[in-house]
PDB file of N, CA and C in Angstrom:
ATOM      1  N   MET A   1      26.517  28.185  -6.370  1.00  0.00           N
ATOM      2  CA  MET A   1      25.523  27.619  -5.402  1.00  0.00           C
ATOM      3  C   MET A   1      26.506  28.003  -4.050  1.00  0.00           C
ATOM      4  N   GLY A   2      25.178  28.276  -3.154  1.00  0.00           N
ATOM      5  CA  GLY A   2      26.070  28.699  -1.900  1.00  0.00           C
ATOM      6  C   GLY A   2      26.231  27.666  -0.711  1.00  0.00           C
ATOM      7  N   LYS A   3      27.146  27.612   0.272  1.00  0.00           N
ATOM      8  CA  LYS A   3      27.299  27.041   1.110  1.00  0.00           C
ATOM      9  C   LYS A   3      26.280  26.087   1.649  1.00  0.00           C
ATOM     10  N   ASP A   4      25.097  27.202   2.157  1.00  0.00           N
ATOM     11  CA  ASP A   4      24.098  26.639   2.731  1.00  0.00           C
ATOM     12  C   ASP A   4      23.205  25.694   1.962  1.00  0.00           C
ATOM     13  N   ARG A   5      23.120  26.103   0.687  1.00  0.00           N
ATOM     14  CA  ARG A   5      22.405  24.965  -0.200  1.00  0.00           C
ATOM     15  C   ARG A   5      22.888  23.981  -0.103  1.00  0.00           C
ATOM     16  N   LYS A   6      24.304  23.784  -0.318  1.00  0.00           N
ATOM     17  CA  LYS A   6      25.093  22.594  -0.414  1.00  0.00           C
ATOM     18  C   LYS A   6      24.841  21.621   0.532  1.00  0.00           C
ATOM     19  N   LEU A   7      25.163  22.062   1.795  1.00  0.00           N
ATOM     20  CA  LEU A   7      24.771  21.418   2.896  1.00  0.00           C
ATOM     21  C   LEU A   7      23.247  20.884   2.917  1.00  0.00           C
ATOM     22  N   VAL A   8      22.297  21.579   2.393  1.00  0.00           N
ATOM     23  CA  VAL A   8      21.008  21.117   2.826  1.00  0.00           C
ATOM     24  C   VAL A   8      20.845  19.813   1.513  1.00  0.00           C
ATOM     25  N   ILE A   9      21.342  20.049   0.424  1.00  0.00           N
ATOM     26  CA  ILE A   9      21.451  18.973  -0.315  1.00  0.00           C
ATOM     27  C   ILE A   9      22.166  17.612  -0.007  1.00  0.00           C
ATOM     28  N   VAL A  10      23.087  17.893   0.807  1.00  0.00           N
ATOM     29  CA  VAL A  10      23.935  16.484   1.203  1.00  0.00           C
ATOM     30  C   VAL A  10      23.049  16.135   2.208  1.00  0.00           C
ATOM     31  N   LEU A  11      22.438  16.740   3.139  1.00  0.00           N
ATOM     32  CA  LEU A  11      21.707  16.288   4.323  1.00  0.00           C
ATOM     33  C   LEU A  11      20.302  15.574   3.692  1.00  0.00           C
ATOM     34  N   VAL A  12      19.868  16.116   2.615  1.00  0.00           N
ATOM     35  CA  VAL A  12      18.693  15.549   1.984  1.00  0.00           C
ATOM     36  C   VAL A  12      19.019  13.890   1.667  1.00  0.00           C
ATOM     37  N   ILE A  13      20.385  13.902   0.969  1.00  0.00           N
ATOM     38  CA  ILE A  13      20.767  13.007   0.231  1.00  0.00           C
ATOM     39  C   ILE A  13      20.858  11.809   1.333  1.00  0.00           C
ATOM     40  N   VAL A  14      21.566  12.331   2.575  1.00  0.00           N
ATOM     41  CA  VAL A  14      21.766  11.265   3.571  1.00  0.00           C
ATOM     42  C   VAL A  14      20.577  10.833   4.292  1.00  0.00           C
ATOM     43  N   ALA A  15      19.534  11.822   4.598  1.00  0.00           N
ATOM     44  CA  ALA A  15      18.365  11.408   4.981  1.00  0.00           C
ATOM     45  C   ALA A  15      17.413  10.673   4.138  1.00  0.00           C
ATOM     46  N   LEU A  16      17.579  10.501   2.664  1.00  0.00           N
ATOM     47  CA  LEU A  16      17.172   9.434   1.886  1.00  0.00           C
ATOM     48  C   LEU A  16      17.735   8.316   1.857  1.00  0.00           C
ATOM     49  N   ALA A  17      19.205   8.327   1.881  1.00  0.00           N
ATOM     50  CA  ALA A  17      19.692   6.829   2.250  1.00  0.00           C
ATOM     51  C   ALA A  17      19.489   6.385   3.539  1.00  0.00           C
ATOM     52  N   ILE A  18      19.186   6.930   4.807  1.00  0.00           N
ATOM     53  CA  ILE A  18      18.778   6.319   5.690  1.00  0.00           C
ATOM     54  C   ILE A  18      17.549   5.715   5.753  1.00  0.00           C
ATOM     55  N   VAL A  19      16.639   6.372   4.623  1.00  0.00           N
ATOM     56  CA  VAL A  19      15.256   5.847   4.760  1.00  0.00           C
ATOM     57  C   VAL A  19      15.376   4.618   3.753  1.00  0.00           C
ATOM     58  N   ILE A  20      15.957   4.638   2.610  1.00  0.00           N
ATOM     59  CA  ILE A  20      16.038   3.578   1.556  1.00  0.00           C
ATOM     60  C   ILE A  20      16.928   2.408   1.711  1.00  0.00           C
ATOM     61  N   LEU A  21      18.050   2.503   2.202  1.00  0.00           N
ATOM     62  CA  LEU A  21      19.154   1.667   2.537  1.00  0.00           C
ATOM     63  C   LEU A  21      18.789   0.610   3.176  1.00  0.00           C
ATOM     64  N   PRO A  22      18.061   0.684   4.220  1.00  0.00           N
ATOM     65  CA  PRO A  22      17.513  -0.320   5.134  1.00  0.00           C
ATOM     66  C   PRO A  22      16.430  -1.317   4.465  1.00  0.00           C
ATOM     67  N   LEU A  23      15.651  -0.714   3.606  1.00  0.00           N
ATOM     68  CA  LEU A  23      14.946  -1.637   2.749  1.00  0.00           C
ATOM     69  C   LEU A  23      15.236  -2.770   2.065  1.00  0.00           C
ATOM     70  N   PHE A  24      16.520  -2.504   1.497  1.00  0.00           N
ATOM     71  CA  PHE A  24      17.524  -3.256   0.490  1.00  0.00           C
ATOM     72  C   PHE A  24      18.508  -4.147   1.574  1.00  0.00           C
ATOM     73  N   LEU A  25      19.090  -3.469   2.531  1.00  0.00           N
ATOM     74  CA  LEU A  25      19.966  -4.198   3.004  1.00  0.00           C
ATOM     75  C   LEU A  25      19.448  -5.124   4.556  1.00  0.00           C
ATOM     76  N   GLN A  26      18.148  -5.103   4.661  1.00  0.00           N
ATOM     77  CA  GLN A  26      17.341  -5.775   5.459  1.00  0.00           C
ATOM     78  C   GLN A  26      16.550  -6.977   4.969  1.00  0.00           C
ATOM     79  N   ARG A  27      16.671  -7.266   3.627  1.00  0.00           N
ATOM     80  CA  ARG A  27      15.793  -8.144   2.963  1.00  0.00           C
ATOM     81  C   ARG A  27      16.022  -9.420   3.461  1.00  0.00           C
ATOM     82  N   GLY A  28      14.756  -9.835   3.711  1.00  0.00           N
ATOM     83  CA  GLY A  28      14.737 -11.447   4.369  1.00  0.00           C
ATOM     84  C   GLY A  28      15.116 -11.478   5.867  1.00  0.00           C
ATOM     85  N   ALA A  29      14.949 -10.512   6.565  1.00  0.00           N
ATOM     86  CA  ALA A  29      15.465 -10.549   7.900  1.00  0.00           C
ATOM     87  C   ALA A  29      13.903 -10.926   8.694  1.00  0.00           C
ATOM     88  N   GLU A  30      14.278 -11.186   9.671  1.00  0.00           N
ATOM     89  CA  GLU A  30      12.925 -11.543  10.694  1.00  0.00           C
ATOM     90  C   GLU A  30      13.078 -10.892  11.892  1.00  0.00           C
ATOM     91  N   PHE A  31      12.111 -10.336  12.317  1.00  0.00           N
ATOM     92  CA  PHE A  31      11.972  -9.286  13.608  1.00  0.00           C
ATOM     93  C   PHE A  31      10.832  -9.758  14.533  1.00  0.00           C
ATOM     94  N   GLY A  32      11.331  -9.844  15.714  1.00  0.00           N
ATOM     95  CA  GLY A  32      10.372 -10.447  16.846  1.00  0.00           C
ATOM     96  C   GLY A  32      10.397  -9.510  17.800  1.00  0.00           C
ATOM     97  N   GLY A  33       9.614  -9.915  18.730  1.00  0.00           N
ATOM     98  CA  GLY A  33       9.592  -9.060  19.944  1.00  0.00           C
ATOM     99  C   GLY A  33      10.210  -9.770  21.017  1.00  0.00           C
ATOM    100  N   SER A  34      10.512  -8.861  22.114  1.00  0.00           N
ATOM    101  CA  SER A  34      11.389  -9.171  23.142  1.00  0.00           C
ATOM    102  C   SER A  34      10.716 -10.595  23.916  1.00  0.00           C
ATOM    103  N   ASP A  35       9.165 -10.530  23.715  1.00  0.00           N
ATOM    104  CA  ASP A  35       8.604 -11.646  24.594  1.00  0.00           C
ATOM    105  C   ASP A  35       9.025 -13.037  23.788  1.00  0.00           C
ATOM    106  N   ASP A  36       9.326 -13.020  22.568  1.00  0.00           N
ATOM    107  CA  ASP A  36       9.461 -14.111  21.636  1.00  0.00           C
ATOM    108  C   ASP A  36      11.258 -14.319  22.309  1.00  0.00           C
ATOM    109  N   ALA A  37      11.625 -13.313  22.347  1.00  0.00           N
ATOM    110  CA  ALA A  37      13.527 -13.730  22.349  1.00  0.00           C
ATOM    111  C   ALA A  37      13.479 -14.291  23.729  1.00  0.00           C
ATOM    112  N   GLY A  38      12.600 -13.804  24.853  1.00  0.00           N
ATOM    113  CA  GLY A  38      13.005 -14.371  26.244  1.00  0.00           C
ATOM    114  C   GLY A  38      12.566 -15.710  26.380  1.00  0.00           C
ATOM    115  N   SER A  39      11.593 -15.845  25.837  1.00  0.00           N
ATOM    116  CA  SER A  39      10.891 -17.512  25.641  1.00  0.00           C
ATOM    117  C   SER A  39      11.800 -18.288  24.994  1.00  0.00           C
ATOM    118  N   VAL A  40      12.503 -17.881  24.212  1.00  0.00           N
ATOM    119  CA  VAL A  40      13.485 -18.860  23.292  1.00  0.00           C
ATOM    120  C   VAL A  40      14.776 -18.709  24.254  1.00  0.00           C
ATOM    121  N   MET A  41      15.260 -17.878  24.948  1.00  0.00           N
ATOM    122  CA  MET A  41      16.396 -17.819  25.712  1.00  0.00           C
ATOM    123  C   MET A  41      15.947 -18.775  26.863  1.00  0.00           C
ATOM    124  N   VAL A  42      14.881 -18.593  27.421  1.00  0.00           N
ATOM    125  CA  VAL A  42      14.654 -19.668  28.549  1.00  0.00           C
ATOM    126  C   VAL A  42      14.708 -21.324  28.150  1.00  0.00           C
ATOM    127  N   GLU A  43      14.057 -21.307  26.874  1.00  0.00           N
ATOM    128  CA  GLU A  43      14.202 -22.901  26.562  1.00  0.00           C
ATOM    129  C   GLU A  43      15.578 -23.283  26.293  1.00  0.00           C
ATOM    130  N   GLU A  44      16.297 -22.351  25.839  1.00  0.00           N
ATOM    131  CA  GLU A  44      17.740 -22.685  25.781  1.00  0.00           C
ATOM    132  C   GLU A  44      18.290 -23.052  27.056  1.00  0.00           C
ATOM    133  N   ILE A  45      18.237 -22.303  28.011  1.00  0.00           N
ATOM    134  CA  ILE A  45      18.915 -22.661  29.275  1.00  0.00           C
ATOM    135  C   ILE A  45      18.284 -23.587  29.966  1.00  0.00           C
ATOM    136  N   SER A  46      16.811 -23.927  30.103  1.00  0.00           N
ATOM    137  CA  SER A  46      16.437 -24.698  30.901  1.00  0.00           C
ATOM    138  C   SER A  46      16.216 -25.962  30.269  1.00  0.00           C
ATOM    139  N   GLY A  47      16.156 -26.057  29.065  1.00  0.00           N
ATOM    140  CA  GLY A  47      16.053 -27.096  28.164  1.00  0.00           C
ATOM    141  C   GLY A  47      14.650 -27.839  28.096  1.00  0.00           C
ATOM    142  N   GLU A  48      13.613 -26.810  28.569  1.00  0.00           N
ATOM    143  CA  GLU A  48      12.247 -27.260  28.842  1.00  0.00           C
ATOM    144  C   GLU A  48      11.595 -26.083  27.840  1.00  0.00           C
ATOM    145  N   GLU A  49      10.162 -26.629  27.559  1.00  0.00           N
ATOM    146  CA  GLU A  49       9.539 -25.614  26.891  1.00  0.00           C
ATOM    147  C   GLU A  49       8.828 -24.210  27.863  1.00  0.00           C
ATOM    148  N   TYR A  50       8.990 -23.217  27.637  1.00  0.00           N
ATOM    149  CA  TYR A  50       8.514 -22.139  28.430  1.00  0.00           C
ATOM    150  C   TYR A  50       7.123 -22.044  28.078  1.00  0.00           C
ATOM    151  N   GLU A  51       6.339 -22.208  29.483  1.00  0.00           N
ATOM    152  CA  GLU A  51       4.957 -21.825  29.784  1.00  0.00           C
ATOM    153  C   GLU A  51       4.745 -20.687  30.580  1.00  0.00           C
ATOM    154  N   PRO A  52       4.093 -19.504  29.863  1.00  0.00           N
ATOM    155  CA  PRO A  52       3.555 -18.501  30.552  1.00  0.00           C
ATOM    156  C   PRO A  52       2.825 -18.500  31.781  1.00  0.00           C
ATOM    157  N   TRP A  53       3.274 -17.887  33.006  1.00  0.00           N
ATOM    158  CA  TRP A  53       2.610 -17.884  34.315  1.00  0.00           C
ATOM    159  C   TRP A  53       1.193 -17.638  34.248  1.00  0.00           C
ATOM    160  N   PHE A  54       0.773 -16.666  33.611  1.00  0.00           N
ATOM    161  CA  PHE A  54      -0.661 -16.420  33.573  1.00  0.00           C
ATOM    162  C   PHE A  54      -1.085 -15.999  32.154  1.00  0.00           C
ATOM    163  N   THR A  55      -2.316 -15.757  31.874  1.00  0.00           N
ATOM    164  CA  THR A  55      -2.991 -15.358  30.574  1.00  0.00           C
ATOM    165  C   THR A  55      -3.015 -13.861  30.704  1.00  0.00           C
ATOM    166  N   PRO A  56      -2.873 -12.921  29.625  1.00  0.00           N
ATOM    167  CA  PRO A  56      -3.168 -11.502  29.790  1.00  0.00           C
ATOM    168  C   PRO A  56      -4.789 -11.272  30.180  1.00  0.00           C
ATOM    169  N   VAL A  57      -5.035 -10.179  30.807  1.00  0.00           N
ATOM    170  CA  VAL A  57      -6.364 -10.209  31.199  1.00  0.00           C
ATOM    171  C   VAL A  57      -7.488  -9.749  30.173  1.00  0.00           C
ATOM    172  N   MET A  58      -6.790  -8.892  29.053  1.00  0.00           N
ATOM    173  CA  MET A  58      -7.568  -8.869  27.675  1.00  0.00           C
ATOM    174  C   MET A  58      -8.084 -10.404  27.009  1.00  0.00           C
ATOM    175  N   GLU A  59      -6.968 -11.151  27.099  1.00  0.00           N
ATOM    176  CA  GLU A  59      -7.372 -12.249  26.389  1.00  0.00           C
ATOM    177  C   GLU A  59      -8.043 -13.118  27.344  1.00  0.00           C
ATOM    178  N   SER A  60      -8.095 -13.112  28.583  1.00  0.00           N
ATOM    179  CA  SER A  60      -9.042 -14.069  29.155  1.00  0.00           C
ATOM    180  C   SER A  60     -10.288 -13.436  29.055  1.00  0.00           C
ATOM    181  N   PHE A  61     -10.614 -12.184  29.041  1.00  0.00           N
ATOM    182  CA  PHE A  61     -11.575 -11.485  29.059  1.00  0.00           C
ATOM    183  C   PHE A  61     -12.565 -11.690  27.828  1.00  0.00           C
ATOM    184  N   LEU A  62     -11.889 -11.476  26.468  1.00  0.00           N
ATOM    185  CA  LEU A  62     -12.354 -11.794  25.489  1.00  0.00           C
ATOM    186  C   LEU A  62     -12.288 -13.196  24.693  1.00  0.00           C
ATOM    187  N   GLY A  63     -11.647 -13.971  25.364  1.00  0.00           N
ATOM    188  CA  GLY A  63     -11.621 -15.522  25.098  1.00  0.00           C
ATOM    189  C   GLY A  63     -10.693 -15.848  24.024  1.00  0.00           C
ATOM    190  N   GLY A  64      -9.602 -14.972  23.837  1.00  0.00           N
ATOM    191  CA  GLY A  64      -8.891 -15.148  22.918  1.00  0.00           C
ATOM    192  C   GLY A  64      -7.512 -14.489  22.628  1.00  0.00           C
ATOM    193  N   GLU A  65      -6.727 -14.420  21.838  1.00  0.00           N
ATOM    194  CA  GLU A  65      -5.760 -13.365  21.409  1.00  0.00           C
ATOM    195  C   GLU A  65      -6.231 -12.299  21.044  1.00  0.00           C
ATOM    196  N   LEU A  66      -5.954 -11.072  21.052  1.00  0.00           N
ATOM    197  CA  LEU A  66      -6.453  -9.802  20.803  1.00  0.00           C
ATOM    198  C   LEU A  66      -5.677  -9.601  19.337  1.00  0.00           C
ATOM    199  N   PRO A  67      -6.302  -9.016  18.257  1.00  0.00           N
ATOM    200  CA  PRO A  67      -6.076  -8.960  16.722  1.00  0.00           C
ATOM    201  C   PRO A  67      -5.207  -7.760  16.951  1.00  0.00           C
ATOM    202  N   GLY A  68      -4.146  -7.548  16.148  1.00  0.00           N
ATOM    203  CA  GLY A  68      -2.775  -6.943  16.136  1.00  0.00           C
ATOM    204  C   GLY A  68      -3.138  -5.621  16.263  1.00  0.00           C
ATOM    205  N   GLU A  69      -4.049  -5.336  15.237  1.00  0.00           N
ATOM    206  CA  GLU A  69      -4.690  -3.788  15.351  1.00  0.00           C
ATOM    207  C   GLU A  69      -4.973  -3.197  16.745  1.00  0.00           C
ATOM    208  N   LEU A  70      -5.889  -3.816  17.347  1.00  0.00           N
ATOM    209  CA  LEU A  70      -6.354  -3.621  18.594  1.00  0.00           C
ATOM    210  C   LEU A  70      -5.005  -3.799  19.524  1.00  0.00           C
ATOM    211  N   GLU A  71      -4.158  -4.544  19.391  1.00  0.00           N
ATOM    212  CA  GLU A  71      -3.378  -4.403  20.387  1.00  0.00           C
ATOM    213  C   GLU A  71      -2.394  -3.185  20.325  1.00  0.00           C
ATOM    214  N   SER A  72      -2.369  -2.781  19.107  1.00  0.00           N
ATOM    215  CA  SER A  72      -1.392  -1.675  18.867  1.00  0.00           C
ATOM    216  C   SER A  72      -2.068  -0.413  19.264  1.00  0.00           C
ATOM    217  N   LEU A  73      -3.337  -0.569  18.727  1.00  0.00           N
ATOM    218  CA  LEU A  73      -4.068   0.706  19.662  1.00  0.00           C
ATOM    219  C   LEU A  73      -4.225   1.065  20.928  1.00  0.00           C
ATOM    220  N   LEU A  74      -4.327  -0.137  21.609  1.00  0.00           N
ATOM    221  CA  LEU A  74      -4.158   0.020  23.161  1.00  0.00           C
ATOM    222  C   LEU A  74      -2.691   0.556  23.525  1.00  0.00           C
ATOM    223  N   PHE A  75      -1.799  -0.083  22.860  1.00  0.00           N
ATOM    224  CA  PHE A  75      -0.224   0.332  23.252  1.00  0.00           C
ATOM    225  C   PHE A  75      -0.135   1.826  22.994  1.00  0.00           C
ATOM    226  N   CYS A  76      -0.896   2.206  22.131  1.00  0.00           N
ATOM    227  CA  CYS A  76      -0.795   3.759  21.580  1.00  0.00           C
ATOM    228  C   CYS A  76      -1.413   4.496  22.471  1.00  0.00           C
ATOM    229  N   VAL A  77      -2.439   3.927  22.819  1.00  0.00           N
ATOM    230  CA  VAL A  77      -3.488   4.989  24.203  1.00  0.00           C
ATOM    231  C   VAL A  77      -2.772   4.839  25.365  1.00  0.00           C
ATOM    232  N   GLN A  78      -2.342   3.693  25.533  1.00  0.00           N
ATOM    233  CA  GLN A  78      -1.636   3.691  27.060  1.00  0.00           C
ATOM    234  C   GLN A  78      -0.211   4.708  26.796  1.00  0.00           C
ATOM    235  N   THR A  79       0.308   4.711  25.732  1.00  0.00           N
ATOM    236  CA  THR A  79       1.734   5.705  25.914  1.00  0.00           C
ATOM    237  C   THR A  79       0.920   7.027  25.844  1.00  0.00           C
ATOM    238  N   GLY A  80      -0.185   7.496  25.173  1.00  0.00           N
ATOM    239  CA  GLY A  80      -0.656   8.796  25.196  1.00  0.00           C
ATOM    240  C   GLY A  80      -1.236   9.066  26.752  1.00  0.00           C
ATOM    241  N   ILE A  81      -1.466   8.182  27.280  1.00  0.00           N
ATOM    242  CA  ILE A  81      -1.965   8.573  28.988  1.00  0.00           C
ATOM    243  C   ILE A  81      -0.843   8.794  29.989  1.00  0.00           C
ATOM    244  N   GLY A  82       0.434   7.967  29.480  1.00  0.00           N
ATOM    245  CA  GLY A  82       1.395   8.286  30.199  1.00  0.00           C
ATOM    246  C   GLY A  82       2.340   9.392  29.865  1.00  0.00           C
ATOM    247  N   THR A  83       2.181   9.572  28.338  1.00  0.00           N
ATOM    248  CA  THR A  83       3.057  11.222  28.259  1.00  0.00           C
ATOM    249  C   THR A  83       2.021  11.809  28.827  1.00  0.00           C
ATOM    250  N   PHE A  84       0.705  12.217  28.608  1.00  0.00           N
ATOM    251  CA  PHE A  84      -0.120  13.319  29.247  1.00  0.00           C
ATOM    252  C   PHE A  84       0.642  13.466  30.751  1.00  0.00           C
ATOM    253  N   VAL A  85       0.508  12.198  31.550  1.00  0.00           N
ATOM    254  CA  VAL A  85       0.912  12.349  32.879  1.00  0.00           C
ATOM    255  C   VAL A  85       2.021  12.807  33.427  1.00  0.00           C
ATOM    256  N   VAL A  86       2.923  12.451  32.545  1.00  0.00           N
ATOM    257  CA  VAL A  86       4.304  12.893  32.845  1.00  0.00           C
ATOM    258  C   VAL A  86       4.702  14.587  32.429  1.00  0.00           C
ATOM    259  N   ALA A  87       3.942  14.863  31.351  1.00  0.00           N
ATOM    260  CA  ALA A  87       3.739  16.514  30.836  1.00  0.00           C
ATOM    261  C   ALA A  87       3.121  17.267  31.530  1.00  0.00           C
ATOM    262  N   PHE A  88       2.175  16.527  32.398  1.00  0.00           N
ATOM    263  CA  PHE A  88       1.339  17.453  33.397  1.00  0.00           C
ATOM    264  C   PHE A  88       1.939  17.819  34.466  1.00  0.00           C
ATOM    265  N   PHE A  89       2.474  16.712  35.281  1.00  0.00           N
ATOM    266  CA  PHE A  89       3.201  16.673  36.286  1.00  0.00           C
ATOM    267  C   PHE A  89       4.634  17.857  36.100  1.00  0.00           C
ATOM    268  N   LEU A  90       5.080  17.569  34.994  1.00  0.00           N
ATOM    269  CA  LEU A  90       6.408  18.880  34.660  1.00  0.00           C
ATOM    270  C   LEU A  90       5.655  19.924  34.558  1.00  0.00           C
ATOM    271  N   GLY A  91       4.668  20.197  33.772  1.00  0.00           N
ATOM    272  CA  GLY A  91       4.142  21.616  33.888  1.00  0.00           C
ATOM    273  C   GLY A  91       3.860  22.122  35.382  1.00  0.00           C
ATOM    274  N   ARG A  92       3.426  21.112  36.158  1.00  0.00           N
ATOM    275  CA  ARG A  92       2.956  21.690  37.457  1.00  0.00           C
ATOM    276  C   ARG A  92       4.062  22.131  38.341  1.00  0.00           C
ATOM    277  N   PHE A  93       5.340  21.308  38.104  1.00  0.00           N
ATOM    278  CA  PHE A  93       6.385  21.566  38.768  1.00  0.00           C
ATOM    279  C   PHE A  93       6.931  22.719  38.152  1.00  0.00           C
ATOM    280  N   VAL A  94       7.007  23.490  36.980  1.00  0.00           N
ATOM    281  CA  VAL A  94       7.380  24.653  36.491  1.00  0.00           C
ATOM    282  C   VAL A  94       6.471  25.579  36.864  1.00  0.00           C
ATOM    283  N   GLU A  95       5.222  25.298  37.151  1.00  0.00           N
ATOM    284  CA  GLU A  95       4.297  26.684  37.383  1.00  0.00           C
ATOM    285  C   GLU A  95       4.691  26.989  38.885  1.00  0.00           C
ATOM    286  N   ARG A  96       4.733  25.484  39.560  1.00  0.00           N
ATOM    287  CA  ARG A  96       5.080  25.992  41.101  1.00  0.00           C
ATOM    288  C   ARG A  96       6.338  26.860  41.337  1.00  0.00           C
ATOM    289  N   LYS A  97       7.354  26.362  40.467  1.00  0.00           N
ATOM    290  CA  LYS A  97       8.628  26.919  40.736  1.00  0.00           C
ATOM    291  C   LYS A  97       8.195  28.637  40.292  1.00  0.00           C
ATOM    292  N   LYS A  98       7.581  28.925  39.305  1.00  0.00           N
ATOM    293  CA  LYS A  98       7.342  30.357  39.028  1.00  0.00           C
ATOM    294  C   LYS A  98       6.373  30.902  40.087  1.00  0.00           C
ATOM    295  N   TRP A  99       5.617  30.334  40.687  1.00  0.00           N
ATOM    296  CA  TRP A  99       4.700  30.977  41.615  1.00  0.00           C
ATOM    297  C   TRP A  99       5.398  31.144  42.985  1.00  0.00           C
ATOM    298  N   THR A 100       6.150  30.226  43.182  1.00  0.00           N
ATOM    299  CA  THR A 100       6.943  30.288  44.360  1.00  0.00           C
ATOM    300  C   THR A 100       7.995  31.730  44.453  1.00  0.00           C
ATOM    301  N   GLU A 101       8.632  31.908  43.026  1.00  0.00           N
ATOM    302  CA  GLU A 101       9.487  32.844  42.854  1.00  0.00           C
ATOM    303  C   GLU A 101       8.719  34.471  42.933  1.00  0.00           C
ATOM    304  N   ARG A 102       7.212  34.075  42.125  1.00  0.00           N
ATOM    305  CA  ARG A 102       6.478  35.471  42.242  1.00  0.00           C
ATOM    306  C   ARG A 102       6.384  35.739  43.754  1.00  0.00           C
ATOM    307  N   SER A 103       5.969  34.817  44.600  1.00  0.00           N
ATOM    308  CA  SER A 103       5.492  35.299  45.691  1.00  0.00           C
ATOM    309  C   SER A 103       6.723  35.771  46.613  1.00  0.00           C
ATOM    310  N   GLY A 104       7.866  35.048  46.375  1.00  0.00           N
ATOM    311  CA  GLY A 104       8.914  35.823  47.356  1.00  0.00           C
ATOM    312  C   GLY A 104       9.205  37.102  46.628  1.00  0.00           C
ATOM    313  N   GLU A 105       9.276  37.535  45.438  1.00  0.00           N
ATOM    314  CA  GLU A 105       9.309  39.018  44.958  1.00  0.00           C
ATOM    315  C   GLU A 105       8.460  39.897  45.376  1.00  0.00           C
ATOM    316  N   GLU A 106       7.027  39.516  45.841  1.00  0.00           N
ATOM    317  CA  GLU A 106       5.990  40.125  46.068  1.00  0.00           C
ATOM    318  C   GLU A 106       6.140  40.638  47.813  1.00  0.00           C
ATOM    319  N   SER A 107       6.676  39.509  48.473  1.00  0.00           N
ATOM    320  CA  SER A 107       6.653  39.836  49.991  1.00  0.00           C
ATOM    321  C   SER A 107       8.070  40.524  50.371  1.00  0.00           C
ATOM    322  N   VAL A 108       8.979  40.414  49.634  1.00  0.00           N
ATOM    323  CA  VAL A 108       9.952  41.232  49.624  1.00  0.00           C
ATOM    324  C   VAL A 108       9.978  42.920  49.127  1.00  0.00           C
ATOM    325  N   SER A 109       8.947  43.213  48.480  1.00  0.00           N
ATOM    326  CA  SER A 109       8.468  44.628  48.072  1.00  0.00           C
ATOM    327  C   SER A 109       7.893  45.152  49.164  1.00  0.00           C
TER     328      SER A 109
END
């Protein structure tokens, strides 16, 4: 068996361990969002129950809390829009640099 083949087998075993081990090691663990952790910390420090300053726009518009699936969908759409904007402007900057380099070369000729 070649050196490369052994390396691939070891890396596949490590990748499987990274995927499978947390399922057994995190049994019974509870995961909460940063909003929950923040409100708990405010309650511990101030000694009073935390009350939000405002209600989210979509919750007040729909008259209740958003379902988890819809909230995840909106988050993904927001992420996609943000990624598009960043990639668009990075592409524009790269193209602008190429155009300025080309126009500089043409004026020298």
